[in-house]
Each structure stands twice: as C-alpha cells, then as structure tokens.
Protein backbone atom coordinates (compact mmCIF):
# COMPACT_ATOMS: atom_id res chain seq x y z
CA MET A 1 -10.48 24.09 43.41
CA LYS A 2 -12.06 20.85 42.13
CA LYS A 3 -11.92 22.15 38.55
CA CYS A 4 -8.21 22.83 38.90
CA LEU A 5 -7.57 19.31 40.18
CA LEU A 6 -9.49 17.81 37.26
CA LEU A 7 -7.46 19.86 34.80
CA LEU A 8 -4.20 18.76 36.41
CA ILE A 9 -5.27 15.09 36.19
CA PHE A 10 -6.44 15.14 32.57
CA PHE A 11 -3.90 17.65 31.20
CA PRO A 12 -1.14 15.04 30.48
CA TYR A 13 -3.76 12.76 28.89
CA LEU A 14 -4.99 15.56 26.62
CA ILE A 15 -1.43 16.46 25.59
CA THR A 16 -0.63 12.83 24.69
CA HIS A 17 -3.73 12.49 22.53
CA SER A 18 -3.30 15.87 20.80
CA GLN A 19 0.38 15.42 19.89
CA LYS A 20 1.19 14.15 16.42
CA ALA A 21 4.27 12.06 15.71
CA LEU A 22 5.90 11.26 12.38
CA ILE A 23 5.82 7.48 12.30
CA LYS A 24 8.13 5.51 10.04
CA GLY A 25 6.74 2.16 8.93
CA ASN A 26 7.94 -0.95 7.12
CA ILE A 27 5.53 -3.19 5.15
CA ASN A 28 6.27 -6.83 4.26
CA ASP A 29 4.52 -9.98 3.10
CA LYS A 30 5.74 -13.59 2.96
CA LEU A 31 7.56 -12.81 -0.33
CA GLY A 32 9.40 -9.70 0.90
CA LYS A 33 8.90 -5.94 0.68
CA VAL A 34 5.48 -4.58 -0.35
CA VAL A 35 5.82 -1.72 -2.85
CA ASN A 36 3.18 1.00 -3.47
CA ALA A 37 0.84 -0.04 -0.67
CA HIS A 38 -1.61 2.74 0.33
CA ILE A 39 -1.54 3.96 3.95
CA VAL A 40 -4.36 6.29 5.08
CA ASN A 41 -4.90 7.91 8.49
CA LYS A 42 -8.69 7.56 8.82
CA ASN A 43 -8.80 10.29 11.48
CA SER A 44 -6.74 13.02 9.80
CA LYS A 45 -7.63 11.90 6.21
CA GLU A 46 -3.94 12.05 5.30
CA GLY A 47 -2.36 9.35 3.17
CA THR A 48 0.87 8.11 1.66
CA PHE A 49 2.34 5.00 -0.03
CA SER A 50 5.29 2.66 0.52
CA ASN A 51 8.42 3.09 -1.61
CA ASP A 52 10.50 0.46 -3.44
CA ASN A 53 11.86 -0.78 -0.08
CA GLY A 54 8.39 -1.08 1.53
CA ILE A 55 9.05 1.98 3.76
CA PHE A 56 6.64 4.89 4.41
CA SER A 57 6.19 7.86 6.77
CA ILE A 58 2.92 9.28 8.09
CA LYS A 59 1.81 11.63 10.88
CA ALA A 60 -0.46 10.14 13.53
CA SER A 61 -1.72 10.67 17.06
CA LEU A 62 -2.47 8.17 19.80
CA GLY A 63 -5.64 6.23 18.95
CA ASP A 64 -5.64 7.11 15.23
CA GLU A 65 -6.68 4.34 12.86
CA LEU A 66 -4.36 3.50 9.95
CA GLU A 67 -5.75 1.57 6.98
CA ILE A 68 -3.28 -0.27 4.72
CA THR A 69 -4.48 -1.48 1.29
CA SER A 70 -2.82 -3.13 -1.70
CA ILE A 71 -4.43 -4.75 -4.73
CA GLN A 72 -2.56 -8.05 -4.21
CA HIS A 73 -3.19 -8.17 -0.43
CA HIS A 74 -5.99 -8.26 2.09
CA SER A 75 -6.59 -4.81 3.65
CA LEU A 76 -5.47 -4.20 7.24
CA LYS A 77 -6.53 -1.68 9.92
CA ILE A 78 -4.23 -0.74 12.82
CA THR A 79 -4.90 1.48 15.83
CA VAL A 80 -1.90 3.62 16.80
CA ALA A 81 -0.75 2.59 20.30
CA ASN A 82 1.30 4.49 22.85
CA ILE A 83 4.39 2.37 22.16
CA THR A 84 4.20 3.34 18.48
CA ILE A 85 4.05 7.05 19.35
CA LYS A 86 7.10 6.71 21.62
CA SER A 87 9.25 4.60 19.29
CA LYS A 88 7.95 6.33 16.12
CA LYS A 89 8.30 3.00 14.32
CA ILE A 90 5.84 0.33 13.17
CA GLU A 91 6.21 -3.05 11.44
CA ILE A 92 3.30 -4.19 9.23
CA LYS A 93 2.77 -7.58 7.58
CA LEU A 94 0.16 -8.03 4.85
CA HIS A 95 -1.32 -11.30 3.63
CA LEU A 96 -1.41 -12.09 -0.10
CA LYS A 97 -4.71 -12.91 -1.73
CA ASP A 98 -4.94 -16.54 -2.79
CA TYR A 99 -5.99 -16.02 -6.40
CA VAL A 100 -5.56 -13.17 -8.90
CA LEU A 101 -7.57 -13.63 -12.12
CA GLU A 102 -5.79 -12.03 -15.07
CA GLU A 103 -7.23 -13.42 -18.31
CA VAL A 104 -9.86 -16.00 -19.26
CA GLU A 105 -9.67 -17.72 -22.65
CA ILE A 106 -12.88 -19.22 -24.05
CA LYS A 107 -12.24 -21.90 -26.69
CA LYS A 108 -14.63 -23.06 -29.41
CA HIS A 109 -16.17 -26.52 -29.24
CA SER A 110 -17.89 -28.81 -31.74
CA LEU A 111 -20.92 -29.69 -29.61
CA HIS A 112 -24.40 -29.42 -31.20
CA GLY A 113 -26.48 -28.97 -28.07
CA ILE A 114 -28.28 -32.29 -28.67
CA LEU A 115 -27.47 -34.77 -25.91
CA GLU A 116 -27.67 -37.92 -28.06
CA ARG A 117 -25.32 -36.53 -30.75
CA ASP A 118 -22.89 -34.88 -28.34
CA PHE A 119 -22.60 -38.06 -26.21
CA LYS A 120 -21.26 -39.99 -29.22
CA GLN A 121 -18.47 -37.39 -29.71
CA THR A 122 -17.17 -37.49 -26.13
CA PRO A 123 -14.05 -39.70 -25.73
CA GLU A 124 -14.32 -42.78 -23.54
CA ASP A 125 -12.65 -42.77 -20.14
CA ILE A 126 -9.55 -45.00 -20.41
CA ALA A 127 -9.93 -46.23 -16.83
CA ILE A 128 -13.53 -47.32 -17.48
CA VAL A 129 -12.58 -49.09 -20.74
CA LYS A 130 -9.77 -51.06 -19.06
CA SER A 131 -11.90 -52.01 -16.08
CA LYS A 132 -14.82 -53.44 -18.14
CA GLY A 133 -13.40 -56.98 -18.07
CA ALA A 134 -12.15 -56.78 -14.49
CA LEU A 135 -15.40 -58.16 -13.05
CA ASP A 136 -15.78 -60.99 -15.59
CA LEU A 137 -15.53 -64.14 -13.40
CA THR A 138 -16.62 -66.70 -16.03
CA LYS A 139 -13.05 -67.62 -17.03
CA ILE A 140 -11.77 -68.27 -13.48
CA ASP A 141 -11.23 -71.91 -12.35
CA PHE A 142 -12.09 -71.86 -8.66
CA LYS A 143 -10.76 -75.47 -8.17
CA GLU A 144 -7.23 -74.50 -9.17
CA GLU A 145 -4.87 -73.93 -6.25
CA ILE A 146 -3.65 -70.38 -6.08
CA LEU A 147 -0.30 -69.77 -4.48
CA LEU A 148 0.10 -66.27 -3.13
CA LYS A 149 3.44 -64.56 -2.55
CA ASP A 150 3.09 -64.85 1.23
CA ASP A 151 2.61 -68.66 0.88
CA GLU A 152 5.76 -68.92 -1.24
CA ILE A 153 7.78 -67.15 1.43
CA ALA A 154 6.39 -69.39 4.17
CA LYS A 155 7.29 -72.59 2.26
CA SER A 156 10.76 -71.52 1.16
CA LYS A 157 12.27 -71.39 4.70
CA VAL A 158 14.44 -68.54 3.51
CA ASN A 159 15.86 -66.35 6.25
CA ILE A 160 14.48 -62.94 5.37
CA SER A 161 15.51 -61.28 8.64
CA ARG A 162 17.63 -58.23 8.18
CA LYS A 163 19.68 -56.36 10.68
CA THR A 164 19.21 -52.61 10.59
CA ASP A 165 20.90 -49.79 12.37
CA PRO A 166 18.17 -47.73 14.10
CA THR A 167 20.60 -44.83 14.57
CA GLN A 168 20.85 -44.25 10.79
CA LYS A 169 18.42 -41.78 9.23
CA PHE A 170 15.94 -42.98 6.67
CA GLU A 171 17.04 -41.73 3.26
CA GLY A 172 13.45 -41.21 2.09
CA ILE A 173 12.81 -38.64 4.81
CA ARG A 174 15.78 -36.55 3.71
CA LEU A 175 14.67 -36.68 0.07
CA PHE A 176 11.10 -35.76 1.07
CA LYS A 177 12.29 -32.71 3.04
CA THR A 178 14.46 -31.55 0.12
CA SER A 179 11.58 -31.98 -2.35
CA LEU A 180 9.15 -30.12 -0.07
CA PHE A 181 11.58 -27.22 0.38
CA THR A 182 12.10 -26.99 -3.41
CA ARG A 183 8.34 -26.87 -4.09
CA LYS A 184 7.81 -24.10 -1.54
CA LYS A 185 10.69 -22.10 -3.00
CA GLU A 186 9.30 -22.52 -6.54
CA LYS A 187 5.83 -21.44 -5.37
CA ARG A 188 7.21 -18.26 -3.74
CA LEU A 189 9.18 -17.46 -6.90
CA ALA A 190 6.09 -17.98 -9.09
CA GLN A 191 4.01 -15.67 -6.85
CA ARG A 192 6.69 -12.96 -6.98
CA ILE A 193 6.92 -13.18 -10.79
CA ALA A 194 3.12 -12.97 -11.09
CA LYS A 195 3.09 -9.93 -8.81
CA GLU A 196 5.74 -8.08 -10.84
CA LYS A 197 4.08 -9.12 -14.12
CA LEU A 198 0.76 -7.64 -12.96
CA GLU A 199 2.41 -4.29 -12.18
CA ASP A 200 4.12 -4.16 -15.59
CA GLN A 201 0.98 -5.14 -17.48
CA LEU A 202 -1.17 -2.45 -15.84
CA SER A 203 1.38 0.29 -16.60
CA LYS A 204 1.81 -0.82 -20.22
CA LYS A 205 -1.93 -1.03 -20.84
CA ILE A 206 -2.57 2.49 -19.49
CA VAL A 207 0.31 3.99 -21.49
CA ASN A 208 -0.97 2.27 -24.64
CA LEU A 209 -4.49 3.60 -24.03
CA ILE A 210 -3.77 7.29 -23.39
CA GLY A 211 -0.19 7.70 -24.67
CA GLU A 212 3.07 8.53 -22.89
CA HIS A 213 2.84 12.20 -23.90
CA VAL A 214 -0.21 12.66 -21.61
CA PHE A 215 1.99 11.79 -18.62
CA THR A 216 5.07 13.80 -19.64
CA LYS A 217 3.43 16.91 -21.15
CA HIS A 218 -0.03 17.11 -19.57
CA TYR A 219 0.61 15.64 -16.10
CA LYS A 220 4.31 16.74 -16.00
CA ILE A 221 5.36 13.26 -14.84
CA PRO A 222 8.87 12.16 -15.99
CA SER A 223 9.07 9.01 -18.12
CA ASP A 224 10.96 7.05 -15.45
CA LYS A 225 8.25 7.87 -12.85
CA ILE A 226 5.19 6.85 -14.92
CA ARG A 227 5.05 3.32 -13.48
CA GLN A 228 5.40 4.62 -9.92
CA PHE A 229 2.62 7.18 -10.52
CA ILE A 230 0.27 4.48 -11.88
CA ASN A 231 0.98 2.09 -8.99
CA PHE A 232 0.43 4.94 -6.53
CA ASN A 233 -3.10 5.41 -7.91
CA ARG A 234 -3.88 1.70 -8.33
CA SER A 235 -7.41 0.84 -7.25
CA GLU A 236 -10.40 -1.19 -8.36
CA LYS A 237 -11.81 1.89 -10.11
CA LEU A 238 -8.59 2.37 -12.09
CA ILE A 239 -8.52 -1.29 -13.16
CA ASN A 240 -12.17 -1.17 -14.27
CA LEU A 241 -11.52 1.95 -16.37
CA VAL A 242 -8.62 0.15 -18.08
CA LYS A 243 -10.66 -3.04 -18.65
CA ASN A 244 -13.56 -1.08 -20.17
CA LYS A 245 -11.15 1.15 -22.17
CA GLU A 246 -12.85 4.35 -20.94
CA VAL A 247 -10.04 6.64 -22.11
CA PHE A 248 -11.50 10.05 -21.24
CA LYS A 249 -12.63 8.97 -17.75
CA LEU A 250 -9.20 7.41 -17.23
CA ILE A 251 -7.44 10.68 -18.14
CA GLU A 252 -9.72 12.66 -15.78
CA PHE A 253 -9.22 10.14 -12.96
CA LEU A 254 -5.41 10.34 -13.19
CA GLN A 255 -5.53 14.15 -13.50
CA GLU A 256 -7.26 14.33 -10.10
CA LYS A 257 -4.42 12.31 -8.53
CA VAL A 258 -1.43 14.28 -9.89
CA GLU A 259 -1.28 16.91 -7.13
CA LEU A 260 -1.61 14.32 -4.33
CA TYR A 261 1.13 12.16 -5.91
CA LYS A 262 3.54 15.10 -6.27
CA LYS A 263 2.82 16.25 -2.71
CA GLN A 264 3.51 12.80 -1.25
CA THR A 265 6.64 12.35 -3.38
CA ILE A 266 8.08 15.70 -2.32
CA ASP A 267 7.24 15.07 1.36
C-alpha cells in the first residue's frame, strides 16, 4: 500500500522530467540578432545553431543544461526551467567580447641596440622642449606691480551682473547629449562591421586554402551555402587550422562535420 502511494506521488514528477519539448529560442546581443551561434544540450548531447534571424529549435527536458557559444561572444549556460517547457520559448542574450585581434603588423626600426646611440635618434618631446624656460625666474622683476584680470574688474566699477532665465535649458547640455548619442551609434556600427568582416574573411581564407570544388563536389555543399557551413563549424580549432595553413587536417575536420550540418539543416 505504501509503495502504491509513493508511486502516485512521484509519478507526475517523473513524467514531467522524462518528457521532451521542442523549444524555440531567439538569440540577441546589443547589436541585434546573433547568427550561427552553437546551442548544445549537455544532457542529450544534441546540438543545433541559430539561423540568419538568430532563431533556433532544440529538444530539451526539464532540468537539461543548454550551452550557447559563439566566437565573438562569451559562452552562456542555461538550465531549462518549468516555464520554458510549458511555453516552449526562450529568449537568450549574449555579451560581446571586448577585443578581437585580427592582424598584427610589425614594422622595421633603425635602432642599433646600443643605448647611447639610440638615445640620440629619439625625437625630443615637444612639451618638454617648450617647458624648459618656464621655470627660469631670473628675468622676472618682482618689484613691478602686476595687475591681474580680477583686479581690473574690481577697479572698473562695470556692472557685470546678468539676468538669466533659469527655466531655459543650457545649450551645452543638449549638444553634449547629441554628441554622446552619435558616438555610441558610431561604436555600435563599427562593431557590427567588424563582426561581419570577420565572418567574410574566415570563409574567403578557407575557400582559398582548399578550393571551392572541395565543398561543391566532395562535401556536396552548394556554393551559396558554403559560408553558412563554415560558420556552423566555426571554433578555435578551425581558426587555428586556417592560421597554420594545415590544409589536409582542415579538409578532414570539415569532412567530419558535413553529416551533422546536413542533419541540422534538414531538421
């Protein structure tokens, strides 16, 4: 009898935890939609990626852990709650990484490595040159009366009072707000351009290394889907293979990802 009661109590709980729901998610950052972000269910080992509108779908149960990663963003882990299972919807916001290092240019210099010789070649600081005579007090006549601007005002008996309307806004504040808004807008635009440029550069570099025919004939990936396929498989390992120009390892790495990409695209 006791066993039956225990089963009746825990049966709804077991059903809730065993049921899987198809959850539709939307991924954004402060610039807008996040494309080709990787979403993995750590419990079921299933994964997918966000489309051009930042939308994805994945199956999950109550308590499952979802891990969201993107090369331009900090990774995020989310535990599936009961409200997510019921609504079958989830909103995710990722945070952009502060700095993305693309290229470093090292320029030649004419230094000899000998401190005494190199010191003579370094240009003088303009501020130091101009300030050399600032502390020379030998030419100052301390007996001469010096009339400051404040003294001139005091002696002139000029009425410098000015009536102001406290209800009027200060023009400088309005200009400052406009300037601040413009700088923020320009910064967001620059970050978006850098993000899109990084995606284009990676795709072009890989195609140049292994050739477009490898994608179309060997992987059976259409030409207009090559960029999407590369972004789907973007990872630190992929970037390192491209940087080191390891062509054969790069081809093998992408070959392993073809079936998973086609499966996720069809689903």
